[in-house]
């Protein structure tokens, strides 16, 4: 397998449910880098809650954040590419504000949310930056939106479908996300590998969620985690172990590192 770059999802892939990276995953990534492969993070998270993990691993490659809506410089953190999404705001809030949904809006200058929760408290702890606004988002003065996240508590395709003319829709079991049309982790990956003169056939992408499907299909080698849903697994060339059992490291050891090919995922 001729691999020059690997793009790794974070939640459900790199990280355990505890939001920790196992020592085995870190060691496998370091060995892969030492072989000459470039390793990148490609996540739905925003920069502030991606950068600490990027630093913990010791990566020096750009970070793909917010499902490809932003790419950040590894040294300065500055966004070197941003793709904003433009909705009819009045219509968006009419469809979401009066329901029991939490709405989180990621912008170029921070997070705005309808209400806080355990996840947002975690973001604040890790990223050291609290939301810029909490409350009725119709009263918030935000601009340059990179991602809308609507947490409905259940799959809600009948609502998310109402935005398909304006945005790229990602449906989750607990809601949906909206980013700019024709934006994805894969479009961001294409920008980076073009700059590094790497062919798509030389790329491995690994993930577990619906926001990973396109990159798993388009990369030379797509790898789904054992904890991924069936649609994600169907898009991949390989299925590795569960994220709680270091499925990321298992794939790297078995298929990408010569000395470790005796490992079984």
C-alpha atoms as a PDB file:
ATOM      1  CA  UNK A   1       0.000   0.000   0.000  1.00  0.00           C
ATOM      2  CA  UNK A   2       1.679   3.206  -1.200  1.00  0.00           C
ATOM      3  CA  UNK A   3       0.594   5.793   1.388  1.00  0.00           C
ATOM      4  CA  UNK A   4       1.976   9.327   1.624  1.00  0.00           C
ATOM      5  CA  UNK A   5      -0.768  10.936   3.719  1.00  0.00           C
ATOM      6  CA  UNK A   6      -3.299   9.837   6.331  1.00  0.00           C
ATOM      7  CA  UNK A   7      -6.318  11.918   7.381  1.00  0.00           C
ATOM      8  CA  UNK A   8      -7.780  11.001  10.767  1.00  0.00           C
ATOM      9  CA  UNK A   9     -11.184  11.864  12.186  1.00  0.00           C
ATOM     10  CA  UNK A  10     -11.218  12.643  15.911  1.00  0.00           C
ATOM     11  CA  UNK A  11     -14.439  11.743  17.763  1.00  0.00           C
ATOM     12  CA  UNK A  12     -15.130   8.035  17.522  1.00  0.00           C
ATOM     13  CA  UNK A  13     -11.817   7.436  15.722  1.00  0.00           C
ATOM     14  CA  UNK A  14      -8.720   8.987  17.283  1.00  0.00           C
ATOM     15  CA  UNK A  15     -10.405   9.592  20.647  1.00  0.00           C
ATOM     16  CA  UNK A  16     -12.021   7.273  23.113  1.00  0.00           C
ATOM     17  CA  UNK A  17     -15.404   8.224  24.579  1.00  0.00           C
ATOM     18  CA  UNK A  18     -13.432   9.835  27.422  1.00  0.00           C
ATOM     19  CA  UNK A  19     -11.959  12.304  24.872  1.00  0.00           C
ATOM     20  CA  UNK A  20      -8.520  10.827  25.513  1.00  0.00           C
ATOM     21  CA  UNK A  21      -5.995   9.549  22.965  1.00  0.00           C
ATOM     22  CA  UNK A  22      -4.554   6.158  23.864  1.00  0.00           C
ATOM     23  CA  UNK A  23      -0.800   5.752  24.081  1.00  0.00           C
ATOM     24  CA  UNK A  24      -1.079   3.013  21.444  1.00  0.00           C
ATOM     25  CA  UNK A  25      -2.736   5.375  18.951  1.00  0.00           C
ATOM     26  CA  UNK A  26      -0.084   8.033  19.571  1.00  0.00           C
ATOM     27  CA  UNK A  27       2.738   5.523  19.182  1.00  0.00           C
ATOM     28  CA  UNK A  28       1.305   4.161  15.928  1.00  0.00           C
ATOM     29  CA  UNK A  29       0.930   7.688  14.514  1.00  0.00           C
ATOM     30  CA  UNK A  30       4.510   8.565  15.465  1.00  0.00           C
ATOM     31  CA  UNK A  31       5.832   5.413  13.789  1.00  0.00           C
ATOM     32  CA  UNK A  32       3.850   6.228  10.664  1.00  0.00           C
ATOM     33  CA  UNK A  33       5.281   9.751  10.589  1.00  0.00           C
ATOM     34  CA  UNK A  34       8.790   8.365  11.085  1.00  0.00           C
ATOM     35  CA  UNK A  35       8.263   6.284   7.952  1.00  0.00           C
ATOM     36  CA  UNK A  36       7.670   9.506   6.028  1.00  0.00           C
ATOM     37  CA  UNK A  37       3.849   9.605   5.933  1.00  0.00           C
ATOM     38  CA  UNK A  38       2.176  12.949   6.592  1.00  0.00           C
ATOM     39  CA  UNK A  39      -0.601  12.715   9.191  1.00  0.00           C
ATOM     40  CA  UNK A  40      -3.467  15.220   9.400  1.00  0.00           C
ATOM     41  CA  UNK A  41      -6.522  15.661  11.623  1.00  0.00           C
ATOM     42  CA  UNK A  42      -9.841  16.047   9.785  1.00  0.00           C
ATOM     43  CA  UNK A  43     -12.659  16.777  12.201  1.00  0.00           C
ATOM     44  CA  UNK A  44     -16.061  18.349  12.670  1.00  0.00           C
ATOM     45  CA  UNK A  45     -14.689  20.190  15.704  1.00  0.00           C
ATOM     46  CA  UNK A  46     -13.692  23.827  15.651  1.00  0.00           C
ATOM     47  CA  UNK A  47     -10.060  24.863  15.888  1.00  0.00           C
ATOM     48  CA  UNK A  48      -9.877  25.618  19.630  1.00  0.00           C
ATOM     49  CA  UNK A  49     -10.937  22.063  20.571  1.00  0.00           C
ATOM     50  CA  UNK A  50      -8.778  20.472  17.885  1.00  0.00           C
ATOM     51  CA  UNK A  51      -5.479  22.238  18.508  1.00  0.00           C
ATOM     52  CA  UNK A  52      -4.744  20.751  21.989  1.00  0.00           C
ATOM     53  CA  UNK A  53      -4.906  17.205  20.570  1.00  0.00           C
ATOM     54  CA  UNK A  54      -2.870  18.211  17.520  1.00  0.00           C
ATOM     55  CA  UNK A  55      -0.237  19.520  19.939  1.00  0.00           C
ATOM     56  CA  UNK A  56      -0.443  16.431  22.173  1.00  0.00           C
ATOM     57  CA  UNK A  57       0.373  14.179  19.220  1.00  0.00           C
ATOM     58  CA  UNK A  58       3.079  16.557  18.013  1.00  0.00           C
ATOM     59  CA  UNK A  59       1.695  17.083  14.513  1.00  0.00           C
ATOM     60  CA  UNK A  60       3.000  19.860  12.291  1.00  0.00           C
ATOM     61  CA  UNK A  61       0.438  19.592   9.501  1.00  0.00           C
ATOM     62  CA  UNK A  62      -2.588  21.851   8.868  1.00  0.00           C
ATOM     63  CA  UNK A  63      -5.836  20.983  10.653  1.00  0.00           C
ATOM     64  CA  UNK A  64      -9.103  20.415   8.788  1.00  0.00           C
ATOM     65  CA  UNK A  65     -11.899  21.666  11.054  1.00  0.00           C
ATOM     66  CA  UNK A  66     -15.689  22.055  10.947  1.00  0.00           C
ATOM     67  CA  UNK A  67     -16.127  19.293   8.370  1.00  0.00           C
ATOM     68  CA  UNK A  68     -13.863  21.020   5.878  1.00  0.00           C
ATOM     69  CA  UNK A  69     -15.235  24.541   6.265  1.00  0.00           C
ATOM     70  CA  UNK A  70     -11.901  25.690   7.722  1.00  0.00           C
ATOM     71  CA  UNK A  71      -8.253  24.727   7.418  1.00  0.00           C
ATOM     72  CA  UNK A  72      -5.890  26.073  10.086  1.00  0.00           C
ATOM     73  CA  UNK A  73      -2.164  26.685  10.029  1.00  0.00           C
ATOM     74  CA  UNK A  74      -0.408  24.314  12.455  1.00  0.00           C
ATOM     75  CA  UNK A  75       1.913  26.929  13.932  1.00  0.00           C
ATOM     76  CA  UNK A  76      -0.189  30.110  14.170  1.00  0.00           C
ATOM     77  CA  UNK A  77      -3.687  28.628  14.261  1.00  0.00           C
ATOM     78  CA  UNK A  78      -4.755  31.164  11.669  1.00  0.00           C
ATOM     79  CA  UNK A  79      -7.399  29.998   9.205  1.00  0.00           C
ATOM     80  CA  UNK A  80      -5.717  29.575   5.845  1.00  0.00           C
ATOM     81  CA  UNK A  81      -8.994  28.629   4.175  1.00  0.00           C
ATOM     82  CA  UNK A  82     -12.606  29.299   5.188  1.00  0.00           C
ATOM     83  CA  UNK A  83     -15.874  28.467   3.440  1.00  0.00           C
ATOM     84  CA  UNK A  84     -18.856  30.334   4.863  1.00  0.00           C
ATOM     85  CA  UNK A  85     -22.455  29.156   4.575  1.00  0.00           C
ATOM     86  CA  UNK A  86     -25.287  31.581   3.816  1.00  0.00           C
ATOM     87  CA  UNK A  87     -28.810  30.745   4.944  1.00  0.00           C
ATOM     88  CA  UNK A  88     -32.012  32.723   4.999  1.00  0.00           C
ATOM     89  CA  UNK A  89     -31.528  33.526   8.696  1.00  0.00           C
ATOM     90  CA  UNK A  90     -35.125  34.527   9.330  1.00  0.00           C
ATOM     91  CA  UNK A  91     -36.338  31.237   7.881  1.00  0.00           C
ATOM     92  CA  UNK A  92     -33.694  29.221   9.758  1.00  0.00           C
ATOM     93  CA  UNK A  93     -34.667  30.677  13.123  1.00  0.00           C
ATOM     94  CA  UNK A  94     -38.376  30.367  12.365  1.00  0.00           C
ATOM     95  CA  UNK A  95     -37.821  26.638  11.847  1.00  0.00           C
ATOM     96  CA  UNK A  96     -35.594  26.071  14.878  1.00  0.00           C
ATOM     97  CA  UNK A  97     -36.004  28.731  17.583  1.00  0.00           C
ATOM     98  CA  UNK A  98     -39.399  27.726  18.940  1.00  0.00           C
ATOM     99  CA  UNK A  99     -38.630  24.016  19.167  1.00  0.00           C
ATOM    100  CA  UNK A 100     -36.820  22.145  21.904  1.00  0.00           C
ATOM    101  CA  UNK A 101     -33.644  22.143  19.845  1.00  0.00           C
ATOM    102  CA  UNK A 102     -30.220  23.377  20.806  1.00  0.00           C
ATOM    103  CA  UNK A 103     -28.622  25.380  18.012  1.00  0.00           C
ATOM    104  CA  UNK A 104     -24.860  25.914  17.859  1.00  0.00           C
ATOM    105  CA  UNK A 105     -23.381  28.299  15.319  1.00  0.00           C
ATOM    106  CA  UNK A 106     -19.658  28.169  14.582  1.00  0.00           C
ATOM    107  CA  UNK A 107     -18.379  31.411  13.102  1.00  0.00           C
ATOM    108  CA  UNK A 108     -15.000  32.796  12.139  1.00  0.00           C
ATOM    109  CA  UNK A 109     -14.812  34.543  15.526  1.00  0.00           C
ATOM    110  CA  UNK A 110     -16.277  31.938  17.868  1.00  0.00           C
ATOM    111  CA  UNK A 111     -19.250  29.863  19.000  1.00  0.00           C
ATOM    112  CA  UNK A 112     -22.803  31.121  19.485  1.00  0.00           C
ATOM    113  CA  UNK A 113     -25.400  28.814  21.026  1.00  0.00           C
ATOM    114  CA  UNK A 114     -29.003  28.744  22.147  1.00  0.00           C
ATOM    115  CA  UNK A 115     -28.102  27.061  25.430  1.00  0.00           C
ATOM    116  CA  UNK A 116     -25.061  25.542  27.060  1.00  0.00           C
ATOM    117  CA  UNK A 117     -24.681  21.851  27.810  1.00  0.00           C
ATOM    118  CA  UNK A 118     -22.065  19.305  28.883  1.00  0.00           C
ATOM    119  CA  UNK A 119     -20.466  19.274  25.439  1.00  0.00           C
ATOM    120  CA  UNK A 120     -20.111  23.053  25.275  1.00  0.00           C
ATOM    121  CA  UNK A 121     -18.748  23.113  28.821  1.00  0.00           C
ATOM    122  CA  UNK A 122     -16.137  20.580  27.676  1.00  0.00           C
ATOM    123  CA  UNK A 123     -15.283  22.776  24.661  1.00  0.00           C
ATOM    124  CA  UNK A 124     -14.783  25.718  26.998  1.00  0.00           C
ATOM    125  CA  UNK A 125     -12.525  23.685  29.290  1.00  0.00           C
ATOM    126  CA  UNK A 126     -10.381  22.301  26.467  1.00  0.00           C
ATOM    127  CA  UNK A 127     -10.314  25.335  24.204  1.00  0.00           C
ATOM    128  CA  UNK A 128     -10.131  27.906  26.998  1.00  0.00           C
ATOM    129  CA  UNK A 129     -12.615  30.129  25.139  1.00  0.00           C
ATOM    130  CA  UNK A 130     -16.292  30.297  26.221  1.00  0.00           C
ATOM    131  CA  UNK A 131     -19.148  30.838  23.743  1.00  0.00           C
ATOM    132  CA  UNK A 132     -19.460  34.425  22.553  1.00  0.00           C
ATOM    133  CA  UNK A 133     -23.218  34.305  23.084  1.00  0.00           C
ATOM    134  CA  UNK A 134     -25.712  32.027  24.867  1.00  0.00           C
ATOM    135  CA  UNK A 135     -29.423  32.656  24.443  1.00  0.00           C
ATOM    136  CA  UNK A 136     -31.995  33.519  21.773  1.00  0.00           C
ATOM    137  CA  UNK A 137     -29.872  33.504  18.636  1.00  0.00           C
ATOM    138  CA  UNK A 138     -32.272  35.872  16.920  1.00  0.00           C
ATOM    139  CA  UNK A 139     -30.748  38.500  19.200  1.00  0.00           C
ATOM    140  CA  UNK A 140     -27.131  37.565  18.480  1.00  0.00           C
ATOM    141  CA  UNK A 141     -24.955  39.654  16.200  1.00  0.00           C
ATOM    142  CA  UNK A 142     -22.938  36.996  14.389  1.00  0.00           C
ATOM    143  CA  UNK A 143     -21.496  36.789  10.898  1.00  0.00           C
ATOM    144  CA  UNK A 144     -19.173  34.624   8.766  1.00  0.00           C
ATOM    145  CA  UNK A 145     -20.872  31.354   9.702  1.00  0.00           C
ATOM    146  CA  UNK A 146     -18.876  28.207   9.001  1.00  0.00           C
ATOM    147  CA  UNK A 147     -21.241  25.597  10.445  1.00  0.00           C
ATOM    148  CA  UNK A 148     -24.736  25.406  11.922  1.00  0.00           C
ATOM    149  CA  UNK A 149     -25.435  22.480  14.254  1.00  0.00           C
ATOM    150  CA  UNK A 150     -29.043  21.715  15.183  1.00  0.00           C
ATOM    151  CA  UNK A 151     -29.395  19.193  18.016  1.00  0.00           C
ATOM    152  CA  UNK A 152     -32.930  17.819  17.878  1.00  0.00           C
ATOM    153  CA  UNK A 153     -32.335  14.797  20.108  1.00  0.00           C
ATOM    154  CA  UNK A 154     -33.220  12.390  17.293  1.00  0.00           C
ATOM    155  CA  UNK A 155     -32.737  11.958  13.570  1.00  0.00           C
ATOM    156  CA  UNK A 156     -34.711  14.698  11.850  1.00  0.00           C
ATOM    157  CA  UNK A 157     -34.307  14.370   8.061  1.00  0.00           C
ATOM    158  CA  UNK A 158     -37.668  15.995   7.374  1.00  0.00           C
ATOM    159  CA  UNK A 159     -36.343  19.245   8.875  1.00  0.00           C
ATOM    160  CA  UNK A 160     -32.791  19.056   7.529  1.00  0.00           C
ATOM    161  CA  UNK A 161     -34.146  18.483   4.009  1.00  0.00           C
ATOM    162  CA  UNK A 162     -35.606  21.991   4.092  1.00  0.00           C
ATOM    163  CA  UNK A 163     -32.071  23.411   3.865  1.00  0.00           C
ATOM    164  CA  UNK A 164     -30.685  21.346   0.996  1.00  0.00           C
ATOM    165  CA  UNK A 165     -31.038  24.195  -1.499  1.00  0.00           C
ATOM    166  CA  UNK A 166     -28.883  26.457   0.683  1.00  0.00           C
ATOM    167  CA  UNK A 167     -26.345  24.181   2.321  1.00  0.00           C
ATOM    168  CA  UNK A 168     -24.567  20.859   2.473  1.00  0.00           C
ATOM    169  CA  UNK A 169     -26.583  18.808   4.963  1.00  0.00           C
ATOM    170  CA  UNK A 170     -25.071  16.194   7.282  1.00  0.00           C
ATOM    171  CA  UNK A 171     -27.665  14.110   9.118  1.00  0.00           C
ATOM    172  CA  UNK A 172     -26.843  12.620  12.512  1.00  0.00           C
ATOM    173  CA  UNK A 173     -28.818  10.418  14.895  1.00  0.00           C
ATOM    174  CA  UNK A 174     -29.371  13.425  17.170  1.00  0.00           C
ATOM    175  CA  UNK A 175     -29.871  16.207  14.614  1.00  0.00           C
ATOM    176  CA  UNK A 176     -28.083  17.692  11.637  1.00  0.00           C
ATOM    177  CA  UNK A 177     -25.332  20.077  10.548  1.00  0.00           C
ATOM    178  CA  UNK A 178     -25.229  22.634   7.750  1.00  0.00           C
ATOM    179  CA  UNK A 179     -22.091  23.809   5.971  1.00  0.00           C
ATOM    180  CA  UNK A 180     -21.485  25.578   2.665  1.00  0.00           C
ATOM    181  CA  UNK A 181     -22.626  23.757  -0.484  1.00  0.00           C
ATOM    182  CA  UNK A 182     -20.050  21.389  -1.965  1.00  0.00           C
ATOM    183  CA  UNK A 183     -17.873  21.591   1.160  1.00  0.00           C
ATOM    184  CA  UNK A 184     -16.705  18.492   3.008  1.00  0.00           C
ATOM    185  CA  UNK A 185     -13.660  17.019   4.651  1.00  0.00           C
ATOM    186  CA  UNK A 186     -12.769  15.640   1.227  1.00  0.00           C
ATOM    187  CA  UNK A 187     -12.819  19.053  -0.490  1.00  0.00           C
ATOM    188  CA  UNK A 188     -10.422  20.298   2.188  1.00  0.00           C
ATOM    189  CA  UNK A 189      -8.249  17.216   1.764  1.00  0.00           C
ATOM    190  CA  UNK A 190      -8.060  17.885  -1.979  1.00  0.00           C
ATOM    191  CA  UNK A 191      -6.808  21.410  -1.297  1.00  0.00           C
ATOM    192  CA  UNK A 192      -4.058  20.115   0.981  1.00  0.00           C
ATOM    193  CA  UNK A 193      -2.862  17.192  -1.089  1.00  0.00           C
ATOM    194  CA  UNK A 194      -2.697  19.443  -4.124  1.00  0.00           C
ATOM    195  CA  UNK A 195      -0.361  21.731  -2.181  1.00  0.00           C
ATOM    196  CA  UNK A 196       1.756  18.764  -1.056  1.00  0.00           C
ATOM    197  CA  UNK A 197       1.726  17.191  -4.540  1.00  0.00           C
ATOM    198  CA  UNK A 198       0.139  14.013  -3.236  1.00  0.00           C
ATOM    199  CA  UNK A 199      -2.211  11.904  -5.355  1.00  0.00           C
ATOM    200  CA  UNK A 200      -5.634  10.891  -3.972  1.00  0.00           C
ATOM    201  CA  UNK A 201      -4.513   7.297  -4.532  1.00  0.00           C
ATOM    202  CA  UNK A 202      -1.740   7.859  -1.973  1.00  0.00           C
ATOM    203  CA  UNK A 203      -4.203   8.951   0.736  1.00  0.00           C
ATOM    204  CA  UNK A 204      -5.725   6.923   3.573  1.00  0.00           C
ATOM    205  CA  UNK A 205      -8.762   8.413   5.317  1.00  0.00           C
ATOM    206  CA  UNK A 206     -10.262   6.936   8.493  1.00  0.00           C
ATOM    207  CA  UNK A 207     -13.456   7.846  10.323  1.00  0.00           C
ATOM    208  CA  UNK A 208     -16.749   6.720  11.810  1.00  0.00           C
ATOM    209  CA  UNK A 209     -19.455   9.277  11.017  1.00  0.00           C
ATOM    210  CA  UNK A 210     -21.680  10.461   8.176  1.00  0.00           C
ATOM    211  CA  UNK A 211     -19.392  13.494   7.782  1.00  0.00           C
ATOM    212  CA  UNK A 212     -16.607  11.034   6.865  1.00  0.00           C
ATOM    213  CA  UNK A 213     -18.409   9.160   4.086  1.00  0.00           C
ATOM    214  CA  UNK A 214     -17.191  11.251   1.158  1.00  0.00           C
ATOM    215  CA  UNK A 215     -13.546  11.154   2.219  1.00  0.00           C
ATOM    216  CA  UNK A 216     -13.742   7.377   2.731  1.00  0.00           C
ATOM    217  CA  UNK A 217     -15.182   6.950  -0.758  1.00  0.00           C
ATOM    218  CA  UNK A 218     -12.789   9.313  -2.515  1.00  0.00           C
ATOM    219  CA  UNK A 219      -9.474   8.566  -0.818  1.00  0.00           C
ATOM    220  CA  UNK A 220      -7.242   5.880  -2.261  1.00  0.00           C
ATOM    221  CA  UNK A 221      -7.992   3.841   0.874  1.00  0.00           C
ATOM    222  CA  UNK A 222     -11.036   4.489   3.040  1.00  0.00           C
ATOM    223  CA  UNK A 223     -11.185   2.941   6.522  1.00  0.00           C
ATOM    224  CA  UNK A 224     -14.281   2.800   8.722  1.00  0.00           C
ATOM    225  CA  UNK A 225     -14.098   2.258  12.452  1.00  0.00           C
ATOM    226  CA  UNK A 226     -15.772  -0.767  13.983  1.00  0.00           C
ATOM    227  CA  UNK A 227     -18.134   1.568  15.821  1.00  0.00           C
ATOM    228  CA  UNK A 228     -19.267   3.250  12.578  1.00  0.00           C
ATOM    229  CA  UNK A 229     -22.779   2.894  11.204  1.00  0.00           C
ATOM    230  CA  UNK A 230     -23.513   0.564   8.303  1.00  0.00           C
ATOM    231  CA  UNK A 231     -23.654   3.373   5.723  1.00  0.00           C
ATOM    232  CA  UNK A 232     -20.174   4.502   6.742  1.00  0.00           C
ATOM    233  CA  UNK A 233     -18.803   0.963   6.634  1.00  0.00           C
ATOM    234  CA  UNK A 234     -20.305   0.469   3.170  1.00  0.00           C
ATOM    235  CA  UNK A 235     -18.349   3.497   1.906  1.00  0.00           C
ATOM    236  CA  UNK A 236     -15.003   2.116   3.103  1.00  0.00           C
ATOM    237  CA  UNK A 237     -12.439  -0.307   1.708  1.00  0.00           C
ATOM    238  CA  UNK A 238     -11.592  -1.647   5.175  1.00  0.00           C
ATOM    239  CA  UNK A 239     -13.341  -1.871   8.531  1.00  0.00           C
ATOM    240  CA  UNK A 240     -11.009  -1.781  11.525  1.00  0.00           C
ATOM    241  CA  UNK A 241     -11.624  -2.207  15.246  1.00  0.00           C
ATOM    242  CA  UNK A 242     -13.753  -0.146  17.633  1.00  0.00           C
ATOM    243  CA  UNK A 243     -12.386   3.194  18.805  1.00  0.00           C
ATOM    244  CA  UNK A 244     -12.414   1.962  22.392  1.00  0.00           C
ATOM    245  CA  UNK A 245     -10.118  -0.891  21.331  1.00  0.00           C
ATOM    246  CA  UNK A 246      -7.631   1.299  19.401  1.00  0.00           C
ATOM    247  CA  UNK A 247      -8.957   0.408  15.960  1.00  0.00           C
ATOM    248  CA  UNK A 248      -6.956   3.306  14.478  1.00  0.00           C
ATOM    249  CA  UNK A 249      -3.659   1.907  15.771  1.00  0.00           C
ATOM    250  CA  UNK A 250      -4.734  -1.587  14.753  1.00  0.00           C
ATOM    251  CA  UNK A 251      -5.127  -0.544  11.130  1.00  0.00           C
ATOM    252  CA  UNK A 252      -1.858   1.379  11.040  1.00  0.00           C
ATOM    253  CA  UNK A 253       0.046  -1.521  12.620  1.00  0.00           C
ATOM    254  CA  UNK A 254      -1.432  -4.190  10.391  1.00  0.00           C
ATOM    255  CA  UNK A 255      -1.405  -2.442   7.035  1.00  0.00           C
ATOM    256  CA  UNK A 256       0.945   0.542   7.141  1.00  0.00           C
ATOM    257  CA  UNK A 257       3.883  -0.423   9.375  1.00  0.00           C
ATOM    258  CA  UNK A 258       6.089  -3.227   8.126  1.00  0.00           C
ATOM    259  CA  UNK A 259       7.393  -4.392  11.546  1.00  0.00           C
ATOM    260  CA  UNK A 260       3.868  -4.718  12.960  1.00  0.00           C
ATOM    261  CA  UNK A 261       1.970  -6.550  10.241  1.00  0.00           C
ATOM    262  CA  UNK A 262       1.470  -9.578  12.483  1.00  0.00           C
ATOM    263  CA  UNK A 263      -1.037  -7.604  14.595  1.00  0.00           C
ATOM    264  CA  UNK A 264      -4.668  -8.602  14.173  1.00  0.00           C
ATOM    265  CA  UNK A 265      -7.277  -5.825  14.290  1.00  0.00           C
END
